[in-house]
Every structure is written in structure tokens, then in C-alpha cells.
PDB file of all heavy atoms in Angstrom:
ATOM      1  N   ASN A   1       0.827  -1.199   0.000  1.00  0.00           N
ATOM      2  CA  ASN A   1       0.000   0.000   0.000  1.00  0.00           C
ATOM      3  C   ASN A   1       0.867   1.256   0.000  1.00  0.00           C
ATOM      4  O   ASN A   1       0.822   2.076   0.917  1.00  0.00           O
ATOM      5  CB  ASN A   1      -0.938  -0.009   1.212  1.00  0.00           C
ATOM      6  CG  ASN A   1      -2.059   1.007   1.079  1.00  0.00           C
ATOM      7  OD1 ASN A   1      -2.307   1.526   0.000  1.00  0.00           O
ATOM      8  ND2 ASN A   1      -2.735   1.296   2.179  1.00  0.00           N
ATOM      9  N   VAL A   2       1.693   1.382  -1.035  1.00  0.00           N
ATOM     10  CA  VAL A   2       2.521   2.574  -1.218  1.00  0.00           C
ATOM     11  C   VAL A   2       2.245   3.154  -2.595  1.00  0.00           C
ATOM     12  O   VAL A   2       1.719   2.480  -3.478  1.00  0.00           O
ATOM     13  CB  VAL A   2       4.025   2.252  -1.076  1.00  0.00           C
ATOM     14  CG1 VAL A   2       4.336   1.756   0.327  1.00  0.00           C
ATOM     15  CG2 VAL A   2       4.460   1.206  -2.112  1.00  0.00           C
ATOM     16  N   ALA A   3       2.614   4.418  -2.778  1.00  0.00           N
ATOM     17  CA  ALA A   3       2.322   5.099  -4.039  1.00  0.00           C
ATOM     18  C   ALA A   3       3.281   4.692  -5.155  1.00  0.00           C
ATOM     19  O   ALA A   3       2.913   4.703  -6.332  1.00  0.00           O
ATOM     20  CB  ALA A   3       2.361   6.609  -3.840  1.00  0.00           C
ATOM     21  N   LYS A   4       4.517   4.313  -4.802  1.00  0.00           N
ATOM     22  CA  LYS A   4       5.519   3.947  -5.812  1.00  0.00           C
ATOM     23  C   LYS A   4       6.272   2.713  -5.335  1.00  0.00           C
ATOM     24  O   LYS A   4       6.489   2.536  -4.136  1.00  0.00           O
ATOM     25  CB  LYS A   4       6.509   5.095  -6.041  1.00  0.00           C
ATOM     26  CG  LYS A   4       5.888   6.349  -6.596  1.00  0.00           C
ATOM     27  CD  LYS A   4       6.858   7.515  -6.556  1.00  0.00           C
ATOM     28  CE  LYS A   4       8.003   7.333  -7.526  1.00  0.00           C
ATOM     29  NZ  LYS A   4       8.921   8.507  -7.504  1.00  0.00           N
ATOM     30  N   ASN A   5       6.677   1.885  -6.293  1.00  0.00           N
ATOM     31  CA  ASN A   5       7.392   0.673  -5.899  1.00  0.00           C
ATOM     32  C   ASN A   5       8.137   0.104  -7.098  1.00  0.00           C
ATOM     33  O   ASN A   5       7.522  -0.310  -8.083  1.00  0.00           O
ATOM     34  CB  ASN A   5       6.414  -0.362  -5.346  1.00  0.00           C
ATOM     35  CG  ASN A   5       7.111  -1.616  -4.836  1.00  0.00           C
ATOM     36  OD1 ASN A   5       8.337  -1.656  -4.767  1.00  0.00           O
ATOM     37  ND2 ASN A   5       6.346  -2.627  -4.495  1.00  0.00           N
ATOM     38  N   THR A   6       9.466   0.093  -7.013  1.00  0.00           N
ATOM     39  CA  THR A   6      10.268  -0.592  -8.029  1.00  0.00           C
ATOM     40  C   THR A   6      11.178  -1.613  -7.357  1.00  0.00           C
ATOM     41  O   THR A   6      12.318  -1.826  -7.761  1.00  0.00           O
ATOM     42  CB  THR A   6      11.117   0.409  -8.844  1.00  0.00           C
ATOM     43  OG1 THR A   6      11.984   1.134  -7.946  1.00  0.00           O
ATOM     44  CG2 THR A   6      10.232   1.391  -9.586  1.00  0.00           C
ATOM     45  N   SER A   7      10.661  -2.243  -6.310  1.00  0.00           N
ATOM     46  CA  SER A   7      11.453  -3.171  -5.501  1.00  0.00           C
ATOM     47  C   SER A   7      11.345  -4.588  -6.061  1.00  0.00           C
ATOM     48  O   SER A   7      10.554  -5.407  -5.591  1.00  0.00           O
ATOM     49  CB  SER A   7      10.968  -3.139  -4.051  1.00  0.00           C
ATOM     50  OG  SER A   7      10.936  -1.814  -3.555  1.00  0.00           O
ATOM     51  N   GLY A   8      12.147  -4.874  -7.066  1.00  0.00           N
ATOM     52  CA  GLY A   8      12.159  -6.218  -7.628  1.00  0.00           C
ATOM     53  C   GLY A   8      11.057  -6.436  -8.654  1.00  0.00           C
ATOM     54  O   GLY A   8      10.398  -5.505  -9.119  1.00  0.00           O
ATOM     55  N   TYR A   9      10.856  -7.683  -9.027  1.00  0.00           N
ATOM     56  CA  TYR A   9       9.840  -8.031 -10.013  1.00  0.00           C
ATOM     57  C   TYR A   9       8.441  -7.729  -9.476  1.00  0.00           C
ATOM     58  O   TYR A   9       8.169  -7.895  -8.286  1.00  0.00           O
ATOM     59  CB  TYR A   9       9.919  -9.517 -10.366  1.00  0.00           C
ATOM     60  CG  TYR A   9      11.227  -9.942 -10.987  1.00  0.00           C
ATOM     61  CD1 TYR A   9      11.918 -11.051 -10.492  1.00  0.00           C
ATOM     62  CD2 TYR A   9      11.783  -9.244 -12.048  1.00  0.00           C
ATOM     63  CE1 TYR A   9      13.118 -11.449 -11.055  1.00  0.00           C
ATOM     64  CE2 TYR A   9      12.981  -9.632 -12.617  1.00  0.00           C
ATOM     65  CZ  TYR A   9      13.653 -10.736 -12.119  1.00  0.00           C
ATOM     66  OH  TYR A   9      14.834 -11.127 -12.671  1.00  0.00           O
ATOM     67  N   ASP A  10       7.569  -7.316 -10.345  1.00  0.00           N
ATOM     68  CA  ASP A  10       6.194  -7.003  -9.935  1.00  0.00           C
ATOM     69  C   ASP A  10       5.347  -8.270 -10.020  1.00  0.00           C
ATOM     70  O   ASP A  10       4.679  -8.530 -11.017  1.00  0.00           O
ATOM     71  CB  ASP A  10       5.609  -5.902 -10.821  1.00  0.00           C
ATOM     72  CG  ASP A  10       4.332  -5.313 -10.245  1.00  0.00           C
ATOM     73  OD1 ASP A  10       3.707  -5.992  -9.408  1.00  0.00           O
ATOM     74  OD2 ASP A  10       3.957  -4.200 -10.634  1.00  0.00           O
ATOM     75  N   ILE A  11       5.404  -9.074  -8.972  1.00  0.00           N
ATOM     76  CA  ILE A  11       4.674 -10.340  -8.951  1.00  0.00           C
ATOM     77  C   ILE A  11       3.172 -10.097  -8.918  1.00  0.00           C
ATOM     78  O   ILE A  11       2.383 -10.865  -9.489  1.00  0.00           O
ATOM     79  CB  ILE A  11       5.112 -11.201  -7.749  1.00  0.00           C
ATOM     80  CG1 ILE A  11       6.628 -11.435  -7.774  1.00  0.00           C
ATOM     81  CG2 ILE A  11       4.371 -12.531  -7.761  1.00  0.00           C
ATOM     82  CD1 ILE A  11       7.123 -12.164  -8.992  1.00  0.00           C
ATOM     83  N   LYS A  12       2.761  -9.020  -8.258  1.00  0.00           N
ATOM     84  CA  LYS A  12       1.334  -8.721  -8.160  1.00  0.00           C
ATOM     85  C   LYS A  12       0.698  -8.599  -9.542  1.00  0.00           C
ATOM     86  O   LYS A  12      -0.343  -9.215  -9.817  1.00  0.00           O
ATOM     87  CB  LYS A  12       1.129  -7.438  -7.354  1.00  0.00           C
ATOM     88  CG  LYS A  12      -0.321  -7.059  -7.116  1.00  0.00           C
ATOM     89  CD  LYS A  12      -0.775  -5.913  -8.008  1.00  0.00           C
ATOM     90  CE  LYS A  12      -0.041  -4.640  -7.765  1.00  0.00           C
ATOM     91  NZ  LYS A  12      -0.506  -3.562  -8.678  1.00  0.00           N
ATOM     92  N   ASP A  13       1.328  -7.861 -10.426  1.00  0.00           N
ATOM     93  CA  ASP A  13       0.746  -7.693 -11.759  1.00  0.00           C
ATOM     94  C   ASP A  13       0.868  -8.944 -12.610  1.00  0.00           C
ATOM     95  O   ASP A  13       0.113  -9.127 -13.561  1.00  0.00           O
ATOM     96  CB  ASP A  13       1.397  -6.504 -12.483  1.00  0.00           C
ATOM     97  CG  ASP A  13       0.685  -5.203 -12.172  1.00  0.00           C
ATOM     98  OD1 ASP A  13      -0.302  -5.232 -11.409  1.00  0.00           O
ATOM     99  OD2 ASP A  13       1.107  -4.148 -12.684  1.00  0.00           O
ATOM    100  N   LEU A  14       1.803  -9.829 -12.276  1.00  0.00           N
ATOM    101  CA  LEU A  14       1.882 -11.117 -12.959  1.00  0.00           C
ATOM    102  C   LEU A  14       0.724 -12.014 -12.533  1.00  0.00           C
ATOM    103  O   LEU A  14       0.101 -12.698 -13.355  1.00  0.00           O
ATOM    104  CB  LEU A  14       3.214 -11.799 -12.639  1.00  0.00           C
ATOM    105  CG  LEU A  14       3.406 -13.222 -13.176  1.00  0.00           C
ATOM    106  CD1 LEU A  14       3.377 -13.240 -14.701  1.00  0.00           C
ATOM    107  CD2 LEU A  14       4.713 -13.818 -12.662  1.00  0.00           C
ATOM    108  N   VAL A  15       0.400 -11.975 -11.247  1.00  0.00           N
ATOM    109  CA  VAL A  15      -0.673 -12.816 -10.725  1.00  0.00           C
ATOM    110  C   VAL A  15      -2.037 -12.340 -11.220  1.00  0.00           C
ATOM    111  O   VAL A  15      -2.920 -13.149 -11.535  1.00  0.00           O
ATOM    112  CB  VAL A  15      -0.619 -12.837  -9.182  1.00  0.00           C
ATOM    113  CG1 VAL A  15      -1.883 -13.452  -8.606  1.00  0.00           C
ATOM    114  CG2 VAL A  15       0.604 -13.624  -8.719  1.00  0.00           C
ATOM    115  N   VAL A  16      -2.229 -11.009 -11.299  1.00  0.00           N
ATOM    116  CA  VAL A  16      -3.490 -10.486 -11.828  1.00  0.00           C
ATOM    117  C   VAL A  16      -3.654 -10.985 -13.271  1.00  0.00           C
ATOM    118  O   VAL A  16      -2.767 -10.808 -14.101  1.00  0.00           O
ATOM    119  CB  VAL A  16      -3.515  -8.946 -11.799  1.00  0.00           C
ATOM    120  CG1 VAL A  16      -4.777  -8.421 -12.493  1.00  0.00           C
ATOM    121  CG2 VAL A  16      -3.455  -8.434 -10.376  1.00  0.00           C
ATOM    122  N   GLY A  17      -4.754 -11.636 -13.559  1.00  0.00           N
ATOM    123  CA  GLY A  17      -4.980 -12.178 -14.891  1.00  0.00           C
ATOM    124  C   GLY A  17      -4.467 -13.593 -15.090  1.00  0.00           C
ATOM    125  O   GLY A  17      -4.577 -14.137 -16.194  1.00  0.00           O
ATOM    126  N   SER A  18      -3.928 -14.218 -14.045  1.00  0.00           N
ATOM    127  CA  SER A  18      -3.348 -15.562 -14.196  1.00  0.00           C
ATOM    128  C   SER A  18      -4.371 -16.676 -14.047  1.00  0.00           C
ATOM    129  O   SER A  18      -4.032 -17.855 -14.123  1.00  0.00           O
ATOM    130  CB  SER A  18      -2.222 -15.770 -13.175  1.00  0.00           C
ATOM    131  OG  SER A  18      -2.721 -15.715 -11.852  1.00  0.00           O
ATOM    132  N   GLU A  19      -5.625 -16.334 -13.823  1.00  0.00           N
ATOM    133  CA  GLU A  19      -6.744 -17.285 -13.835  1.00  0.00           C
ATOM    134  C   GLU A  19      -6.606 -18.421 -12.824  1.00  0.00           C
ATOM    135  O   GLU A  19      -7.004 -19.560 -13.079  1.00  0.00           O
ATOM    136  CB  GLU A  19      -6.960 -17.842 -15.248  1.00  0.00           C
ATOM    137  CG  GLU A  19      -7.246 -16.745 -16.279  1.00  0.00           C
ATOM    138  CD  GLU A  19      -7.640 -17.303 -17.632  1.00  0.00           C
ATOM    139  OE1 GLU A  19      -8.420 -18.263 -17.681  1.00  0.00           O
ATOM    140  OE2 GLU A  19      -7.166 -16.750 -18.642  1.00  0.00           O
ATOM    141  N   GLY A  20      -6.030 -18.113 -11.675  1.00  0.00           N
ATOM    142  CA  GLY A  20      -5.935 -19.124 -10.627  1.00  0.00           C
ATOM    143  C   GLY A  20      -4.971 -20.248 -10.926  1.00  0.00           C
ATOM    144  O   GLY A  20      -5.039 -21.301 -10.288  1.00  0.00           O
ATOM    145  N   THR A  21      -4.052 -20.050 -11.856  1.00  0.00           N
ATOM    146  CA  THR A  21      -3.083 -21.101 -12.183  1.00  0.00           C
ATOM    147  C   THR A  21      -1.795 -20.965 -11.393  1.00  0.00           C
ATOM    148  O   THR A  21      -0.981 -21.899 -11.377  1.00  0.00           O
ATOM    149  CB  THR A  21      -2.735 -21.083 -13.686  1.00  0.00           C
ATOM    150  OG1 THR A  21      -2.139 -19.818 -14.011  1.00  0.00           O
ATOM    151  CG2 THR A  21      -3.974 -21.293 -14.537  1.00  0.00           C
ATOM    152  N   LEU A  22      -1.570 -19.816 -10.746  1.00  0.00           N
ATOM    153  CA  LEU A  22      -0.324 -19.588 -10.024  1.00  0.00           C
ATOM    154  C   LEU A  22      -0.527 -19.580  -8.509  1.00  0.00           C
ATOM    155  O   LEU A  22       0.352 -19.995  -7.761  1.00  0.00           O
ATOM    156  CB  LEU A  22       0.309 -18.256 -10.460  1.00  0.00           C
ATOM    157  CG  LEU A  22       0.580 -18.092 -11.956  1.00  0.00           C
ATOM    158  CD1 LEU A  22       1.229 -16.743 -12.234  1.00  0.00           C
ATOM    159  CD2 LEU A  22       1.442 -19.226 -12.494  1.00  0.00           C
ATOM    160  N   CYS A  23      -1.649 -19.069  -8.037  1.00  0.00           N
ATOM    161  CA  CYS A  23      -1.928 -18.982  -6.612  1.00  0.00           C
ATOM    162  C   CYS A  23      -3.405 -18.642  -6.430  1.00  0.00           C
ATOM    163  O   CYS A  23      -4.114 -18.381  -7.409  1.00  0.00           O
ATOM    164  CB  CYS A  23      -1.040 -17.921  -5.939  1.00  0.00           C
ATOM    165  SG  CYS A  23      -1.195 -16.282  -6.686  1.00  0.00           S
ATOM    166  N   ILE A  24      -3.857 -18.638  -5.175  1.00  0.00           N
ATOM    167  CA  ILE A  24      -5.242 -18.307  -4.847  1.00  0.00           C
ATOM    168  C   ILE A  24      -5.244 -17.052  -3.985  1.00  0.00           C
ATOM    169  O   ILE A  24      -4.635 -17.033  -2.904  1.00  0.00           O
ATOM    170  CB  ILE A  24      -5.934 -19.458  -4.089  1.00  0.00           C
ATOM    171  CG1 ILE A  24      -5.932 -20.730  -4.935  1.00  0.00           C
ATOM    172  CG2 ILE A  24      -7.361 -19.074  -3.716  1.00  0.00           C
ATOM    173  CD1 ILE A  24      -6.470 -21.944  -4.207  1.00  0.00           C
ATOM    174  N   ALA A  25      -5.909 -16.001  -4.437  1.00  0.00           N
ATOM    175  CA  ALA A  25      -5.991 -14.762  -3.662  1.00  0.00           C
ATOM    176  C   ALA A  25      -6.986 -14.945  -2.516  1.00  0.00           C
ATOM    177  O   ALA A  25      -8.091 -15.459  -2.720  1.00  0.00           O
ATOM    178  CB  ALA A  25      -6.425 -13.603  -4.553  1.00  0.00           C
ATOM    179  N   THR A  26      -6.592 -14.527  -1.315  1.00  0.00           N
ATOM    180  CA  THR A  26      -7.472 -14.648  -0.154  1.00  0.00           C
ATOM    181  C   THR A  26      -7.827 -13.290   0.462  1.00  0.00           C
ATOM    182  O   THR A  26      -8.802 -13.191   1.192  1.00  0.00           O
ATOM    183  CB  THR A  26      -6.842 -15.550   0.926  1.00  0.00           C
ATOM    184  OG1 THR A  26      -5.508 -15.091   1.201  1.00  0.00           O
ATOM    185  CG2 THR A  26      -6.785 -16.992   0.440  1.00  0.00           C
ATOM    186  N   LYS A  27      -7.023 -12.271   0.198  1.00  0.00           N
ATOM    187  CA  LYS A  27      -7.362 -10.901   0.584  1.00  0.00           C
ATOM    188  C   LYS A  27      -6.859  -9.973  -0.523  1.00  0.00           C
ATOM    189  O   LYS A  27      -5.767 -10.181  -1.070  1.00  0.00           O
ATOM    190  CB  LYS A  27      -6.723 -10.501   1.910  1.00  0.00           C
ATOM    191  CG  LYS A  27      -7.323 -11.149   3.146  1.00  0.00           C
ATOM    192  CD  LYS A  27      -6.760 -10.532   4.422  1.00  0.00           C
ATOM    193  CE  LYS A  27      -7.330 -11.216   5.664  1.00  0.00           C
ATOM    194  NZ  LYS A  27      -6.868 -12.598   5.827  1.00  0.00           N
ATOM    195  N   LEU A  28      -7.643  -8.944  -0.810  1.00  0.00           N
ATOM    196  CA  LEU A  28      -7.303  -8.023  -1.895  1.00  0.00           C
ATOM    197  C   LEU A  28      -7.506  -6.588  -1.420  1.00  0.00           C
ATOM    198  O   LEU A  28      -8.588  -6.249  -0.927  1.00  0.00           O
ATOM    199  CB  LEU A  28      -8.195  -8.285  -3.114  1.00  0.00           C
ATOM    200  CG  LEU A  28      -8.042  -9.669  -3.752  1.00  0.00           C
ATOM    201  CD1 LEU A  28      -9.321 -10.094  -4.448  1.00  0.00           C
ATOM    202  CD2 LEU A  28      -6.875  -9.656  -4.729  1.00  0.00           C
ATOM    203  N   ARG A  29      -6.480  -5.777  -1.530  1.00  0.00           N
ATOM    204  CA  ARG A  29      -6.630  -4.349  -1.250  1.00  0.00           C
ATOM    205  C   ARG A  29      -6.880  -3.640  -2.570  1.00  0.00           C
ATOM    206  O   ARG A  29      -6.029  -3.647  -3.464  1.00  0.00           O
ATOM    207  CB  ARG A  29      -5.389  -3.778  -0.557  1.00  0.00           C
ATOM    208  CG  ARG A  29      -5.553  -2.292  -0.178  1.00  0.00           C
ATOM    209  CD  ARG A  29      -4.355  -1.770   0.596  1.00  0.00           C
ATOM    210  NE  ARG A  29      -4.253  -2.342   1.928  1.00  0.00           N
ATOM    211  CZ  ARG A  29      -4.869  -1.867   3.001  1.00  0.00           C
ATOM    212  NH1 ARG A  29      -5.672  -0.799   2.892  1.00  0.00           N
ATOM    213  NH2 ARG A  29      -4.714  -2.448   4.165  1.00  0.00           N
ATOM    214  N   MET A  30      -8.068  -3.042  -2.696  1.00  0.00           N
ATOM    215  CA  MET A  30      -8.499  -2.449  -3.952  1.00  0.00           C
ATOM    216  C   MET A  30      -8.537  -0.923  -3.849  1.00  0.00           C
ATOM    217  O   MET A  30      -8.956  -0.358  -2.834  1.00  0.00           O
ATOM    218  CB  MET A  30      -9.890  -2.972  -4.321  1.00  0.00           C
ATOM    219  CG  MET A  30     -10.018  -4.497  -4.323  1.00  0.00           C
ATOM    220  SD  MET A  30      -8.883  -5.348  -5.434  1.00  0.00           S
ATOM    221  CE  MET A  30      -9.568  -4.856  -7.025  1.00  0.00           C
ATOM    222  N   ARG A  31      -8.101  -0.277  -4.907  1.00  0.00           N
ATOM    223  CA  ARG A  31      -8.064   1.184  -4.954  1.00  0.00           C
ATOM    224  C   ARG A  31      -9.458   1.753  -5.190  1.00  0.00           C
ATOM    225  O   ARG A  31     -10.241   1.202  -5.964  1.00  0.00           O
ATOM    226  CB  ARG A  31      -7.120   1.638  -6.072  1.00  0.00           C
ATOM    227  CG  ARG A  31      -6.916   3.151  -6.144  1.00  0.00           C
ATOM    228  CD  ARG A  31      -5.723   3.470  -7.023  1.00  0.00           C
ATOM    229  NE  ARG A  31      -5.995   3.214  -8.430  1.00  0.00           N
ATOM    230  CZ  ARG A  31      -6.435   4.127  -9.292  1.00  0.00           C
ATOM    231  NH1 ARG A  31      -6.677   5.358  -8.892  1.00  0.00           N
ATOM    232  NH2 ARG A  31      -6.630   3.806 -10.559  1.00  0.00           N
ATOM    233  N   LEU A  32      -9.745   2.861  -4.564  1.00  0.00           N
ATOM    234  CA  LEU A  32     -10.991   3.597  -4.745  1.00  0.00           C
ATOM    235  C   LEU A  32     -10.672   4.995  -5.270  1.00  0.00           C
ATOM    236  O   LEU A  32      -9.548   5.476  -5.111  1.00  0.00           O
ATOM    237  CB  LEU A  32     -11.746   3.712  -3.410  1.00  0.00           C
ATOM    238  CG  LEU A  32     -11.975   2.404  -2.651  1.00  0.00           C
ATOM    239  CD1 LEU A  32     -12.435   2.688  -1.231  1.00  0.00           C
ATOM    240  CD2 LEU A  32     -12.988   1.528  -3.376  1.00  0.00           C
ATOM    241  N   ILE A  33     -11.628   5.635  -5.889  1.00  0.00           N
ATOM    242  CA  ILE A  33     -11.446   7.007  -6.354  1.00  0.00           C
ATOM    243  C   ILE A  33     -12.676   7.826  -5.967  1.00  0.00           C
ATOM    244  O   ILE A  33     -13.679   7.292  -5.494  1.00  0.00           O
ATOM    245  CB  ILE A  33     -11.205   7.082  -7.881  1.00  0.00           C
ATOM    246  CG1 ILE A  33     -12.448   6.629  -8.646  1.00  0.00           C
ATOM    247  CG2 ILE A  33      -9.978   6.276  -8.282  1.00  0.00           C
ATOM    248  CD1 ILE A  33     -12.325   6.829 -10.163  1.00  0.00           C
ATOM    249  N   HIS A  34     -12.576   9.138  -6.173  1.00  0.00           N
ATOM    250  CA  HIS A  34     -13.735   9.987  -5.922  1.00  0.00           C
ATOM    251  C   HIS A  34     -14.723   9.826  -7.082  1.00  0.00           C
ATOM    252  O   HIS A  34     -14.328   9.741  -8.243  1.00  0.00           O
ATOM    253  CB  HIS A  34     -13.304  11.443  -5.793  1.00  0.00           C
ATOM    254  CG  HIS A  34     -12.471  11.695  -4.569  1.00  0.00           C
ATOM    255  ND1 HIS A  34     -12.991  11.639  -3.296  1.00  0.00           N
ATOM    256  CD2 HIS A  34     -11.147  11.968  -4.431  1.00  0.00           C
ATOM    257  CE1 HIS A  34     -12.030  11.877  -2.422  1.00  0.00           C
ATOM    258  NE2 HIS A  34     -10.904  12.077  -3.079  1.00  0.00           N
ATOM    259  N   PRO A  35     -16.006   9.792  -6.785  1.00  0.00           N
ATOM    260  CA  PRO A  35     -16.991   9.544  -7.847  1.00  0.00           C
ATOM    261  C   PRO A  35     -17.234  10.782  -8.700  1.00  0.00           C
ATOM    262  O   PRO A  35     -17.059  11.918  -8.231  1.00  0.00           O
ATOM    263  CB  PRO A  35     -18.263   9.191  -7.063  1.00  0.00           C
ATOM    264  CG  PRO A  35     -18.111   9.944  -5.778  1.00  0.00           C
ATOM    265  CD  PRO A  35     -16.638   9.940  -5.465  1.00  0.00           C
ATOM    266  N   PRO A  36     -17.627  10.591  -9.950  1.00  0.00           N
ATOM    267  CA  PRO A  36     -18.035  11.747 -10.766  1.00  0.00           C
ATOM    268  C   PRO A  36     -19.341  12.319 -10.225  1.00  0.00           C
ATOM    269  O   PRO A  36     -20.175  11.589  -9.684  1.00  0.00           O
ATOM    270  CB  PRO A  36     -18.217  11.135 -12.153  1.00  0.00           C
ATOM    271  CG  PRO A  36     -18.565   9.705 -11.889  1.00  0.00           C
ATOM    272  CD  PRO A  36     -17.803   9.316 -10.653  1.00  0.00           C
ATOM    273  N   LYS A  37     -19.507  13.622 -10.366  1.00  0.00           N
ATOM    274  CA  LYS A  37     -20.736  14.251  -9.871  1.00  0.00           C
ATOM    275  C   LYS A  37     -21.853  14.192 -10.911  1.00  0.00           C
ATOM    276  O   LYS A  37     -23.032  14.218 -10.561  1.00  0.00           O
ATOM    277  CB  LYS A  37     -20.450  15.705  -9.506  1.00  0.00           C
ATOM    278  CG  LYS A  37     -19.520  15.835  -8.312  1.00  0.00           C
ATOM    279  CD  LYS A  37     -19.383  17.261  -7.860  1.00  0.00           C
ATOM    280  CE  LYS A  37     -18.652  17.282  -6.522  1.00  0.00           C
ATOM    281  NZ  LYS A  37     -17.448  17.986  -6.503  1.00  0.00           N
ATOM    282  N   VAL A  38     -21.466  14.105 -12.191  1.00  0.00           N
ATOM    283  CA  VAL A  38     -22.459  14.119 -13.270  1.00  0.00           C
ATOM    284  C   VAL A  38     -22.088  13.046 -14.286  1.00  0.00           C
ATOM    285  O   VAL A  38     -20.904  12.844 -14.582  1.00  0.00           O
ATOM    286  CB  VAL A  38     -22.514  15.495 -13.973  1.00  0.00           C
ATOM    287  CG1 VAL A  38     -23.578  15.506 -15.070  1.00  0.00           C
ATOM    288  CG2 VAL A  38     -22.763  16.609 -12.977  1.00  0.00           C
TER     289      VAL A  38
END
């Protein structure tokens, strides 16, 4: 949960989209944004 990270290989982005063939996610921290007004 940091704004920038170049600490080694980005395993998180490799796992995203891997269709459960590499590991099973059990907790996910998801980003939120401010909603549009219109």
C-alpha cells in the first residue's frame, strides 16, 4: 500500500490475470477514487 514501488519483479501484476493457475488470492486491497458528480 505505497504510491511507488520498483522493488524487484512485480509479482502482483503477474498474478493479476493468471486465472488461478499460479496462486489463490485470499485478501485483496483495492483502490478507490472519488466519484463523478455528473
